[in-house]
Amino acid sequence: MLAGLVDGFVELPEPPDVGDGAAEDGPLAWPGYGAARERAVARTGERESVLCGTGRVDGTRAVLIVFEFAFLGGSLGEHAGARIEAAHACARARHLPLVSLVASGGSRMQEGMRALSQLQRVARQTALTGAAGVPQISVARHPTTGGGWAAVAAGADVCLALGGAEVAFAGSRIRPAGTDPRAACTAEAQLAAGHVDGVVPADGLRRALGRWLSLLSGPAAGRVAPPYALGAAAPPQSGWAAVERARDAGRPRADAYLDACFSFREEIGGDRCGGRDEQGVTCGFGRLPDGRTAAFAAQRGTAVRPAGLRTAARLVRLADRLGFPVLTLVDTPGAAGDIDAERAGTGPAVADCFAAVVACRTPVTTLVVGEGGSGGALALAAPDRTWMTPDSYFSVLAPEAATAVLKRDPSLVRETAEQLRLRPQDVVELGVARGIVGPPPGRAAVRRRGAGHPDGTPRGG
């Protein structure tokens, strides 16, 4: 696994002997266990199912935990747990990102509860490493099941999976009869369910890991300035004009702003709770012009669903823990209110997003690039650090919904839009937004509070 992926690999020193009976039959005196271990050593050339060390992946130095499935199914026993613990301690001491290349059937049966308890040991190390602000990336290889999935791969900040790999908590021998593994137990199924962040081919793993490691190794200092306005150059004259402009299918959307802000970016793929909202929200980390990294959570112009809000909250909390500033882009008519969305928890998801943004210790900057519809939009908006584009609006409710709530005739929707004072310049005057961002250099200036681009800093800088 290491060949062609890691340069200059140096194995970590062996942790102190934990008395797992390498030449005997282990803590349970399991008949033949010692002999099985010796056969695994002869077959693989390794002394354990886990190999730990340091090396460079596409130029970025990292601590690596590499599972050898041919050694007793990559199972976790006491000595494997001790090696993983030592790897985490090394990553924290050297402040190096930690990469886990997992291929495991779970806990080692021949060590019983002593083996199962290693999942708690690994979980504790994962928590300590996370609290230290050290990034953790995992790769679920074939197969990744049981504790290898639950305690190692799924607990990482970013979880990738190799295409076609079996990835599941229940291994193939203990699943209910008749289970179709393609429905939920593959890398692709876990991606669709929001449990992994990306599926990559084996020959693309070095590049994918290299990009992620590069991004997560260089947080930007200070705030991210909102991007320049890419659409209209002047604010709208009326409330309804603001609504029509924000709903114009041809105006710049989130991806255009992210392309302008970042030279490259990688996305996290879901909420880790069984959901994805690719149409509603995109979240991840991107490279700024100064070579540093910022996090982003961007709405894409549709009604945002609970999974999208939870993914955004996950992104903000991850950025906070790792020390990355955050850019959020607001563009949604509001949170989805259909029956499926309500069952999936729209209200709790909005609340969770509010909580993540207001509690974030790293700077959060928001740009409203289109529709700003009610709580679903406000959930991603930074208090006292929100800016508007000339082709955006922000409102307590969309004009049609507000008209209905007020029991007005639908013909009065344009009048309602005026009374809501939802134009970008109105939102600034109301004190909810700090200003209207201007166009890139060379285009006509836009009237707003203050002069020049916000903070006087380059776009994305």
Protein backbone atom coordinates (compact mmCIF):
# COMPACT_ATOMS: atom_id res chain seq x y z
CA MET A 1 0.00 0.00 0.00
CA LEU A 2 2.84 2.38 0.78
CA ALA A 3 4.64 1.91 -2.53
CA GLY A 4 3.88 4.78 -4.89
CA LEU A 5 1.87 6.60 -2.23
CA VAL A 6 4.33 7.60 0.49
CA ASP A 7 7.88 8.90 0.09
CA GLY A 8 10.55 8.47 2.76
CA PHE A 9 8.46 6.32 5.09
CA VAL A 10 10.09 5.84 8.51
CA GLU A 11 8.44 3.41 10.90
CA LEU A 12 7.76 4.62 14.43
CA PRO A 13 9.52 2.90 17.34
CA GLU A 14 7.73 -0.12 18.70
CA PRO A 15 5.55 0.82 21.69
CA PRO A 16 6.25 -0.92 25.02
CA ASP A 17 5.25 -4.59 25.20
CA VAL A 18 1.59 -4.90 26.16
CA GLY A 19 1.81 -8.59 26.89
CA ASP A 20 -0.51 -9.78 24.14
CA GLY A 21 1.34 -13.04 23.78
CA ALA A 22 2.91 -12.68 20.35
CA ALA A 23 4.52 -16.12 20.60
CA GLU A 24 1.81 -17.64 22.80
CA ASP A 25 -1.96 -17.84 22.63
CA GLY A 26 -2.88 -14.36 23.82
CA PRO A 27 -4.87 -13.04 26.79
CA LEU A 28 -7.62 -15.67 26.37
CA ALA A 29 -5.17 -18.56 25.85
CA TRP A 30 -6.96 -19.15 22.55
CA PRO A 31 -5.73 -22.46 21.12
CA GLY A 32 -3.53 -21.89 18.07
CA TYR A 33 -3.59 -18.08 18.25
CA GLY A 34 0.18 -17.77 18.62
CA ALA A 35 0.74 -20.09 15.67
CA ALA A 36 -1.73 -18.11 13.56
CA ARG A 37 0.18 -14.93 14.35
CA GLU A 38 3.47 -16.49 13.32
CA ARG A 39 1.95 -17.64 10.04
CA ALA A 40 0.71 -14.07 9.46
CA VAL A 41 4.22 -12.76 10.13
CA ALA A 42 5.69 -15.21 7.64
CA ARG A 43 3.05 -14.32 5.03
CA THR A 44 3.26 -10.53 5.32
CA GLY A 45 6.69 -9.78 6.74
CA GLU A 46 4.97 -7.63 9.42
CA ARG A 47 4.73 -8.20 13.19
CA GLU A 48 1.23 -6.72 13.49
CA SER A 49 -1.86 -5.82 11.49
CA VAL A 50 -1.02 -2.10 11.71
CA LEU A 51 2.12 -0.34 10.53
CA CYS A 52 2.73 3.23 11.75
CA GLY A 53 5.29 5.80 10.71
CA THR A 54 5.99 9.16 9.10
CA GLY A 55 6.47 10.07 5.46
CA ARG A 56 5.50 12.48 2.71
CA VAL A 57 2.37 12.15 0.61
CA ASP A 58 2.67 14.21 -2.57
CA GLY A 59 5.07 16.54 -0.77
CA THR A 60 3.26 16.97 2.56
CA ARG A 61 4.68 15.30 5.65
CA ALA A 62 2.25 13.26 7.72
CA VAL A 63 1.94 10.48 10.29
CA LEU A 64 0.47 7.34 8.74
CA ILE A 65 -1.45 4.37 10.14
CA VAL A 66 -1.50 1.57 7.55
CA PHE A 67 -3.58 -1.58 8.01
CA GLU A 68 -2.37 -4.87 6.54
CA PHE A 69 -5.46 -6.96 5.82
CA ALA A 70 -3.40 -10.06 5.08
CA PHE A 71 -2.36 -10.06 8.75
CA LEU A 72 -5.34 -11.72 10.45
CA GLY A 73 -7.81 -9.66 8.46
CA GLY A 74 -6.35 -6.34 9.59
CA SER A 75 -7.98 -7.00 12.95
CA LEU A 76 -7.45 -4.83 16.01
CA GLY A 77 -5.84 -6.35 19.08
CA GLU A 78 -3.99 -4.87 22.04
CA HIS A 79 -0.67 -4.45 20.28
CA ALA A 80 -2.33 -2.88 17.22
CA GLY A 81 -4.13 -0.50 19.57
CA ALA A 82 -0.82 0.44 21.20
CA ARG A 83 0.69 1.22 17.80
CA ILE A 84 -2.26 3.43 16.84
CA GLU A 85 -2.02 5.23 20.18
CA ALA A 86 1.68 5.90 19.55
CA ALA A 87 0.90 7.25 16.06
CA HIS A 88 -1.63 9.71 17.45
CA ALA A 89 0.83 10.83 20.13
CA CYS A 90 3.45 11.43 17.43
CA ALA A 91 1.01 13.44 15.30
CA ARG A 92 0.14 15.64 18.26
CA ALA A 93 3.74 16.10 19.38
CA ARG A 94 4.92 17.08 15.89
CA HIS A 95 1.64 18.72 14.86
CA LEU A 96 1.55 16.65 11.68
CA PRO A 97 -1.67 15.60 9.95
CA LEU A 98 -2.60 11.98 10.56
CA VAL A 99 -3.62 9.68 7.71
CA SER A 100 -5.23 6.27 8.35
CA LEU A 101 -5.26 3.79 5.47
CA VAL A 102 -7.80 1.29 6.75
CA ALA A 103 -8.49 -2.27 5.65
CA SER A 104 -9.86 -4.21 8.58
CA GLY A 105 -12.46 -6.74 9.57
CA GLY A 106 -12.77 -5.24 13.05
CA SER A 107 -11.80 -6.55 16.47
CA ARG A 108 -9.65 -9.67 16.87
CA MET A 109 -11.82 -12.54 18.11
CA GLN A 110 -8.90 -14.39 19.73
CA GLU A 111 -8.37 -11.51 22.18
CA GLY A 112 -12.04 -11.09 23.11
CA MET A 113 -13.02 -8.04 25.13
CA ARG A 114 -9.38 -7.00 25.43
CA ALA A 115 -9.53 -6.49 21.65
CA LEU A 116 -12.93 -4.81 21.61
CA SER A 117 -11.80 -2.31 24.24
CA GLN A 118 -9.21 -1.05 21.75
CA LEU A 119 -12.05 0.76 20.01
CA GLN A 120 -12.39 2.97 23.09
CA ARG A 121 -8.64 3.43 23.13
CA VAL A 122 -8.62 4.54 19.51
CA ALA A 123 -11.65 6.78 20.02
CA ARG A 124 -9.91 8.53 22.91
CA GLN A 125 -6.82 9.15 20.79
CA THR A 126 -8.97 10.47 17.95
CA ALA A 127 -10.62 12.91 20.36
CA LEU A 128 -7.29 14.05 21.82
CA THR A 129 -5.80 14.58 18.38
CA GLY A 130 -8.86 16.51 17.27
CA ALA A 131 -8.76 18.69 20.38
CA ALA A 132 -5.12 19.48 19.60
CA GLY A 133 -6.17 20.92 16.23
CA VAL A 134 -4.41 18.20 14.21
CA PRO A 135 -6.22 17.21 10.98
CA GLN A 136 -7.18 13.56 10.54
CA ILE A 137 -7.87 11.97 7.15
CA SER A 138 -8.91 8.36 6.65
CA VAL A 139 -9.14 6.15 3.59
CA ALA A 140 -11.54 3.20 3.71
CA ARG A 141 -9.99 0.45 1.59
CA HIS A 142 -11.41 -2.98 0.79
CA PRO A 143 -12.78 -4.16 3.14
CA THR A 144 -13.38 -1.71 5.99
CA THR A 145 -15.88 -3.12 8.46
CA GLY A 146 -16.64 -3.35 12.16
CA GLY A 147 -14.38 -1.36 14.45
CA GLY A 148 -12.06 -0.50 11.58
CA TRP A 149 -14.91 1.51 10.10
CA ALA A 150 -16.57 2.75 13.30
CA ALA A 151 -13.51 3.62 15.41
CA VAL A 152 -10.88 4.54 12.83
CA ALA A 153 -12.17 5.50 9.38
CA ALA A 154 -15.53 7.08 10.25
CA GLY A 155 -14.07 9.10 13.10
CA ALA A 156 -11.68 11.13 10.94
CA ASP A 157 -12.26 14.76 9.97
CA VAL A 158 -12.24 13.79 6.30
CA CYS A 159 -13.11 10.28 5.20
CA LEU A 160 -12.31 9.07 1.69
CA ALA A 161 -13.00 5.61 0.28
CA LEU A 162 -11.56 3.61 -2.59
CA GLY A 163 -14.00 2.90 -5.38
CA GLY A 164 -15.71 -0.49 -5.07
CA ALA A 165 -14.53 -1.08 -1.50
CA GLU A 166 -16.78 -2.82 1.00
CA VAL A 167 -17.44 -0.25 3.73
CA ALA A 168 -19.89 -1.15 6.49
CA PHE A 169 -20.24 -1.69 10.21
CA ALA A 170 -21.60 -5.23 9.83
CA GLY A 171 -19.17 -7.53 8.03
CA SER A 172 -20.28 -9.85 5.25
CA ARG A 173 -20.40 -12.90 7.55
CA ILE A 174 -22.70 -11.35 10.14
CA ARG A 175 -25.17 -9.34 8.08
CA PRO A 176 -28.80 -10.45 8.04
CA ALA A 177 -29.49 -13.07 5.41
CA GLY A 178 -30.51 -11.65 2.07
CA THR A 179 -28.80 -8.28 2.59
CA ASP A 180 -27.77 -6.70 -0.70
CA PRO A 181 -24.36 -5.14 0.05
CA ARG A 182 -24.73 -2.76 -2.89
CA ALA A 183 -27.64 -1.04 -1.15
CA ALA A 184 -25.62 0.26 1.79
CA CYS A 185 -22.29 -1.50 2.24
CA THR A 186 -20.07 -0.09 -0.50
CA ALA A 187 -17.96 3.03 -0.77
CA GLU A 188 -20.42 4.45 -3.28
CA ALA A 189 -23.42 3.74 -1.06
CA GLN A 190 -21.72 5.35 1.94
CA LEU A 191 -20.96 8.42 -0.18
CA ALA A 192 -24.60 8.69 -1.24
CA ALA A 193 -25.64 8.46 2.40
CA GLY A 194 -23.28 11.25 3.47
CA HIS A 195 -20.94 9.04 5.51
CA VAL A 196 -17.82 9.47 3.38
CA ASP A 197 -16.57 12.65 1.75
CA GLY A 198 -15.34 11.26 -1.53
CA VAL A 199 -14.77 8.07 -3.50
CA VAL A 200 -11.45 7.93 -5.34
CA PRO A 201 -9.83 5.34 -7.63
CA ALA A 202 -6.73 3.62 -6.29
CA ASP A 203 -4.54 5.28 -8.91
CA GLY A 204 -5.87 8.70 -7.90
CA LEU A 205 -5.36 8.30 -4.16
CA ARG A 206 -1.94 9.95 -3.98
CA ARG A 207 -3.24 13.10 -5.68
CA ALA A 208 -6.43 13.20 -3.61
CA LEU A 209 -4.57 12.77 -0.33
CA GLY A 210 -1.94 15.27 -1.42
CA ARG A 211 -4.56 17.93 -2.14
CA TRP A 212 -6.33 17.38 1.16
CA LEU A 213 -3.09 17.36 3.16
CA SER A 214 -1.91 20.50 1.42
CA LEU A 215 -5.16 22.31 2.22
CA LEU A 216 -5.40 21.20 5.83
CA SER A 217 -1.76 22.03 6.59
CA GLY A 218 -1.95 25.80 5.98
CA PRO A 219 -4.80 27.74 7.62
CA ALA A 220 -5.13 31.39 6.65
CA ALA A 221 -4.61 34.02 9.33
CA GLY A 222 -7.41 36.44 10.14
CA ARG A 223 -10.66 36.94 8.30
CA VAL A 224 -11.51 36.09 4.72
CA ALA A 225 -12.61 39.19 2.84
CA PRO A 226 -15.87 38.69 0.94
CA PRO A 227 -15.36 38.14 -2.79
CA TYR A 228 -16.08 40.94 -5.25
CA ALA A 229 -19.53 41.13 -6.79
CA LEU A 230 -19.60 39.17 -10.05
CA GLY A 231 -23.04 40.19 -11.32
CA ALA A 232 -24.90 43.49 -11.36
CA ALA A 233 -22.84 46.61 -10.68
CA ALA A 234 -25.55 48.75 -9.05
CA PRO A 235 -28.23 48.01 -6.45
CA PRO A 236 -31.83 47.52 -7.62
CA GLN A 237 -34.28 50.40 -7.58
CA SER A 238 -37.26 48.54 -6.09
CA GLY A 239 -37.91 45.65 -3.77
CA TRP A 240 -39.50 43.52 -6.45
CA ALA A 241 -36.60 44.27 -8.81
CA ALA A 242 -34.28 42.96 -6.11
CA VAL A 243 -36.30 39.75 -5.90
CA GLU A 244 -36.36 39.26 -9.67
CA ARG A 245 -32.65 39.93 -9.96
CA ALA A 246 -31.83 37.46 -7.18
CA ARG A 247 -33.99 34.83 -8.89
CA ASP A 248 -32.49 35.39 -12.34
CA ALA A 249 -31.18 32.05 -13.57
CA GLY A 250 -28.32 33.80 -15.34
CA ARG A 251 -26.78 35.58 -12.36
CA PRO A 252 -23.53 34.25 -10.82
CA ARG A 253 -24.05 31.40 -8.37
CA ALA A 254 -21.99 29.89 -5.58
CA ASP A 255 -19.61 27.94 -7.81
CA ALA A 256 -18.68 31.11 -9.74
CA TYR A 257 -17.84 32.90 -6.49
CA LEU A 258 -15.88 29.93 -5.16
CA ASP A 259 -13.94 29.69 -8.44
CA ALA A 260 -13.10 33.38 -8.15
CA CYS A 261 -12.04 33.06 -4.53
CA PHE A 262 -10.04 29.81 -4.55
CA SER A 263 -7.40 28.42 -6.89
CA PHE A 264 -8.56 24.92 -6.00
CA ARG A 265 -10.84 23.36 -3.43
CA GLU A 266 -11.98 20.05 -2.01
CA GLU A 267 -15.44 19.27 -0.65
CA ILE A 268 -16.71 17.35 2.33
CA GLY A 269 -19.50 15.09 1.21
CA GLY A 270 -22.32 14.90 3.73
CA ASP A 271 -23.68 15.31 7.22
CA ARG A 272 -22.45 11.95 8.65
CA CYS A 273 -26.06 11.34 9.68
CA GLY A 274 -27.32 9.62 6.53
CA GLY A 275 -27.87 12.62 4.28
CA ARG A 276 -26.45 14.74 1.47
CA ASP A 277 -27.78 17.91 -0.11
CA GLU A 278 -25.60 18.45 -3.16
CA GLN A 279 -28.12 20.74 -4.85
CA GLY A 280 -28.56 22.93 -1.79
CA VAL A 281 -25.14 23.29 -0.17
CA THR A 282 -21.46 22.78 -0.99
CA CYS A 283 -18.88 22.78 1.80
CA GLY A 284 -15.14 22.27 2.02
CA PHE A 285 -11.73 23.92 2.03
CA GLY A 286 -10.05 26.03 -0.64
CA ARG A 287 -6.69 27.60 -1.49
CA LEU A 288 -6.63 31.41 -1.35
CA PRO A 289 -4.43 33.58 -3.61
CA ASP A 290 -1.86 33.97 -0.81
CA GLY A 291 -1.39 30.19 -0.68
CA ARG A 292 -3.24 29.71 2.59
CA THR A 293 -6.48 27.82 3.20
CA ALA A 294 -9.97 28.86 4.24
CA ALA A 295 -13.14 26.84 4.76
CA PHE A 296 -16.36 27.53 2.88
CA ALA A 297 -20.06 26.70 3.17
CA ALA A 298 -22.09 27.89 0.21
CA GLN A 299 -25.78 27.65 -0.60
CA ARG A 300 -26.64 26.98 -4.23
CA GLY A 301 -29.95 28.76 -4.77
CA THR A 302 -32.39 25.99 -3.89
CA ALA A 303 -34.41 25.40 -0.74
CA VAL A 304 -31.78 24.03 1.64
CA ARG A 305 -32.54 20.65 3.21
CA PRO A 306 -31.70 19.41 6.72
CA ALA A 307 -28.74 17.39 5.46
CA GLY A 308 -27.28 20.50 3.84
CA LEU A 309 -27.63 22.53 7.01
CA ARG A 310 -26.06 19.75 9.08
CA THR A 311 -23.19 19.50 6.60
CA ALA A 312 -22.62 23.24 6.89
CA ALA A 313 -22.65 22.99 10.69
CA ARG A 314 -20.17 20.12 10.50
CA LEU A 315 -17.90 22.21 8.26
CA VAL A 316 -17.99 25.24 10.54
CA ARG A 317 -17.20 23.17 13.64
CA LEU A 318 -14.35 21.40 11.85
CA ALA A 319 -12.89 24.71 10.67
CA ASP A 320 -13.21 26.09 14.20
CA ARG A 321 -11.38 23.13 15.73
CA LEU A 322 -8.59 23.18 13.15
CA GLY A 323 -8.22 26.98 13.18
CA PHE A 324 -9.45 27.90 9.68
CA PRO A 325 -11.40 31.07 8.87
CA VAL A 326 -14.75 30.47 7.18
CA LEU A 327 -16.48 32.05 4.19
CA THR A 328 -20.22 31.42 3.88
CA LEU A 329 -22.27 32.25 0.80
CA VAL A 330 -26.00 32.74 1.31
CA ASP A 331 -28.34 31.93 -1.56
CA THR A 332 -31.60 30.14 -0.74
CA PRO A 333 -35.30 30.94 -0.85
CA GLY A 334 -35.41 29.31 2.58
CA ALA A 335 -35.21 26.00 4.39
CA ALA A 336 -37.22 23.18 2.82
CA GLY A 337 -40.62 22.76 4.46
CA ASP A 338 -41.99 19.63 2.80
CA ILE A 339 -42.99 16.57 4.80
CA ASP A 340 -39.73 14.69 4.13
CA ALA A 341 -37.72 17.70 5.28
CA GLU A 342 -39.78 18.06 8.43
CA ARG A 343 -39.29 14.39 9.24
CA ALA A 344 -35.56 14.79 8.64
CA GLY A 345 -35.48 17.64 11.14
CA THR A 346 -35.51 21.04 9.43
CA GLY A 347 -35.96 22.88 12.72
CA PRO A 348 -33.18 21.10 14.62
CA ALA A 349 -30.89 21.40 11.59
CA VAL A 350 -31.45 25.17 11.38
CA ALA A 351 -30.83 25.42 15.13
CA ASP A 352 -27.64 23.38 14.82
CA CYS A 353 -26.33 25.63 12.06
CA PHE A 354 -27.11 28.78 14.05
CA ALA A 355 -25.25 27.30 17.03
CA ALA A 356 -22.19 26.34 14.99
CA VAL A 357 -21.83 29.77 13.38
CA VAL A 358 -22.34 31.88 16.51
CA ALA A 359 -20.02 29.67 18.59
CA CYS A 360 -17.22 29.57 16.01
CA ARG A 361 -14.00 31.03 17.44
CA THR A 362 -12.35 31.50 14.06
CA PRO A 363 -13.61 34.42 11.93
CA VAL A 364 -16.72 33.80 9.82
CA THR A 365 -17.46 36.11 6.88
CA THR A 366 -20.71 35.98 4.91
CA LEU A 367 -21.67 37.23 1.45
CA VAL A 368 -25.31 37.10 0.34
CA VAL A 369 -25.05 36.38 -3.38
CA GLY A 370 -28.71 35.81 -4.26
CA GLU A 371 -31.85 35.04 -2.31
CA GLY A 372 -31.71 35.44 1.44
CA GLY A 373 -34.89 33.74 2.51
CA SER A 374 -35.69 33.69 6.22
CA GLY A 375 -34.06 31.39 8.80
CA GLY A 376 -32.65 28.96 6.27
CA ALA A 377 -30.51 31.80 4.92
CA LEU A 378 -29.78 33.50 8.23
CA ALA A 379 -28.48 30.21 9.66
CA LEU A 380 -25.30 30.63 7.60
CA ALA A 381 -24.95 34.38 8.12
CA ALA A 382 -22.23 35.71 10.40
CA PRO A 383 -23.53 38.19 12.97
CA ASP A 384 -22.00 41.63 12.31
CA ARG A 385 -19.96 40.24 9.42
CA THR A 386 -22.45 39.86 6.57
CA TRP A 387 -22.17 41.64 3.21
CA MET A 388 -24.54 41.90 0.25
CA THR A 389 -24.05 41.80 -3.52
CA PRO A 390 -26.05 44.19 -5.75
CA ASP A 391 -28.12 41.26 -7.04
CA SER A 392 -29.20 39.89 -3.67
CA TYR A 393 -31.94 40.41 -1.13
CA PHE A 394 -32.46 39.43 2.52
CA SER A 395 -35.90 39.10 4.02
CA VAL A 396 -37.78 37.76 7.00
CA LEU A 397 -39.75 35.74 4.41
CA ALA A 398 -39.96 35.65 0.65
CA PRO A 399 -42.55 38.24 -0.52
CA GLU A 400 -45.07 35.59 -1.59
CA ALA A 401 -44.88 33.81 1.76
CA ALA A 402 -45.01 37.06 3.70
CA THR A 403 -48.10 38.11 1.71
CA ALA A 404 -49.79 34.83 2.60
CA VAL A 405 -48.87 35.13 6.29
CA LEU A 406 -50.34 38.63 6.37
CA LYS A 407 -53.53 37.32 4.68
CA ARG A 408 -53.12 39.78 1.84
CA ASP A 409 -54.39 39.34 -1.66
CA PRO A 410 -51.67 37.71 -3.83
CA SER A 411 -51.82 40.70 -6.15
CA LEU A 412 -50.13 42.74 -3.40
CA VAL A 413 -46.90 40.74 -3.45
CA ARG A 414 -44.91 43.58 -5.08
CA GLU A 415 -46.16 46.03 -2.49
CA THR A 416 -45.18 43.59 0.24
CA ALA A 417 -41.69 43.34 -1.24
CA GLU A 418 -41.33 47.11 -0.93
CA GLN A 419 -42.56 47.17 2.64
CA LEU A 420 -40.20 44.39 3.71
CA ARG A 421 -37.22 46.60 2.81
CA LEU A 422 -35.30 43.64 1.47
CA ARG A 423 -33.07 45.37 -1.09
CA PRO A 424 -29.32 45.13 -0.35
CA GLN A 425 -29.14 48.85 0.43
CA ASP A 426 -32.13 48.49 2.77
CA VAL A 427 -30.52 45.59 4.61
CA VAL A 428 -27.41 47.73 5.11
CA GLU A 429 -29.45 50.70 6.36
CA LEU A 430 -31.29 48.40 8.78
CA GLY A 431 -27.92 47.42 10.26
CA VAL A 432 -28.21 43.74 9.38
CA ALA A 433 -25.44 43.83 6.74
CA ARG A 434 -22.22 45.83 6.82
CA GLY A 435 -22.23 46.92 3.20
CA ILE A 436 -22.62 46.07 -0.47
CA VAL A 437 -19.50 44.64 -2.06
CA GLY A 438 -18.14 46.29 -5.17
CA PRO A 439 -17.16 44.86 -8.54
CA PRO A 440 -13.64 43.71 -9.38
CA PRO A 441 -11.10 46.43 -10.21
CA GLY A 442 -11.80 48.10 -13.53
CA ARG A 443 -15.58 48.02 -13.22
CA ALA A 444 -17.81 50.85 -11.99
CA ALA A 445 -17.91 51.38 -8.25
CA VAL A 446 -21.00 50.46 -6.29
CA ARG A 447 -22.60 52.69 -3.68
CA ARG A 448 -22.25 51.23 -0.20
CA ARG A 449 -21.23 52.14 3.29
CA GLY A 450 -17.52 53.00 3.24
CA ALA A 451 -15.21 53.13 0.27
CA GLY A 452 -13.30 50.43 -1.60
CA HIS A 453 -13.58 46.69 -1.14
CA PRO A 454 -14.45 45.61 2.43
CA ASP A 455 -11.37 45.77 4.67
CA GLY A 456 -9.32 47.04 1.71
CA THR A 457 -8.01 43.52 1.20
CA PRO A 458 -7.74 41.55 -2.04
CA ARG A 459 -10.56 39.20 -2.95
CA GLY A 460 -10.35 36.09 -0.81
CA GLY A 461 -7.35 37.51 1.02
